[in-house]
Amino acid sequence: MTGDCCCGGDCHDHGHTHRRLLTKEEKLTKLTKYKEDLKKELAAVDQAIDELSK
């Protein structure tokens, strides 16, 4: 997961002048999405382990 920048990363390196910090709601949305992505990745790892265990 990237930092707390509203564009997800290196905006300061590209000359953008928009806000840099996420609101509480934006952080919550971003963390919820990240959590769901991790759940999907864990499910894929569990499936790979099951297949290799057969």
Protein backbone atom coordinates (compact mmCIF):
# COMPACT_ATOMS: atom_id res chain seq x y z
CA MET A 1 0.00 0.00 0.00
CA THR A 2 1.27 3.46 -0.81
CA GLY A 3 1.49 6.43 1.51
CA ASP A 4 -1.23 8.81 2.57
CA CYS A 5 -1.06 10.93 -0.56
CA CYS A 6 -4.44 11.45 -2.20
CA CYS A 7 -3.11 10.29 -5.58
CA GLY A 8 -1.45 7.19 -4.12
CA GLY A 9 2.21 8.06 -4.25
CA ASP A 10 4.76 10.38 -5.74
CA CYS A 11 2.67 13.43 -6.62
CA HIS A 12 5.28 15.76 -5.16
CA ASP A 13 7.78 14.46 -7.70
CA HIS A 14 5.55 15.40 -10.63
CA GLY A 15 4.88 19.04 -9.83
CA HIS A 16 1.25 18.59 -8.76
CA THR A 17 0.02 21.18 -6.32
CA HIS A 18 -3.15 19.52 -5.02
CA ARG A 19 -3.71 18.45 -1.44
CA ARG A 20 -1.48 15.67 -0.16
CA LEU A 21 -3.31 14.17 2.81
CA LEU A 22 -6.32 11.87 2.71
CA THR A 23 -9.46 12.56 4.68
CA LYS A 24 -10.54 10.05 7.32
CA GLU A 25 -13.18 8.69 4.93
CA GLU A 26 -10.65 8.33 2.10
CA LYS A 27 -8.23 6.49 4.39
CA LEU A 28 -11.05 4.17 5.50
CA THR A 29 -12.03 3.45 1.88
CA LYS A 30 -8.42 2.84 0.89
CA LEU A 31 -7.76 0.53 3.87
CA THR A 32 -11.00 -1.39 3.27
CA LYS A 33 -10.00 -1.98 -0.36
CA TYR A 34 -6.52 -3.04 0.74
CA LYS A 35 -8.05 -5.47 3.25
CA GLU A 36 -10.22 -7.03 0.53
CA ASP A 37 -7.21 -7.35 -1.77
CA LEU A 38 -5.29 -9.10 1.01
CA LYS A 39 -8.18 -11.50 1.61
CA LYS A 40 -8.19 -12.42 -2.09
CA GLU A 41 -4.45 -12.94 -2.06
CA LEU A 42 -4.68 -15.11 1.06
CA ALA A 43 -7.41 -17.21 -0.58
CA ALA A 44 -5.15 -17.74 -3.61
CA VAL A 45 -2.27 -18.79 -1.36
CA ASP A 46 -4.53 -21.19 0.55
CA GLN A 47 -5.70 -22.68 -2.76
CA ALA A 48 -2.11 -23.15 -3.94
CA ILE A 49 -1.21 -24.85 -0.66
CA ASP A 50 -4.24 -27.16 -0.97
CA GLU A 51 -3.33 -28.09 -4.53
CA LEU A 52 0.29 -28.81 -3.61
CA SER A 53 -0.78 -30.87 -0.60
CA LYS A 54 -2.71 -33.39 -2.74
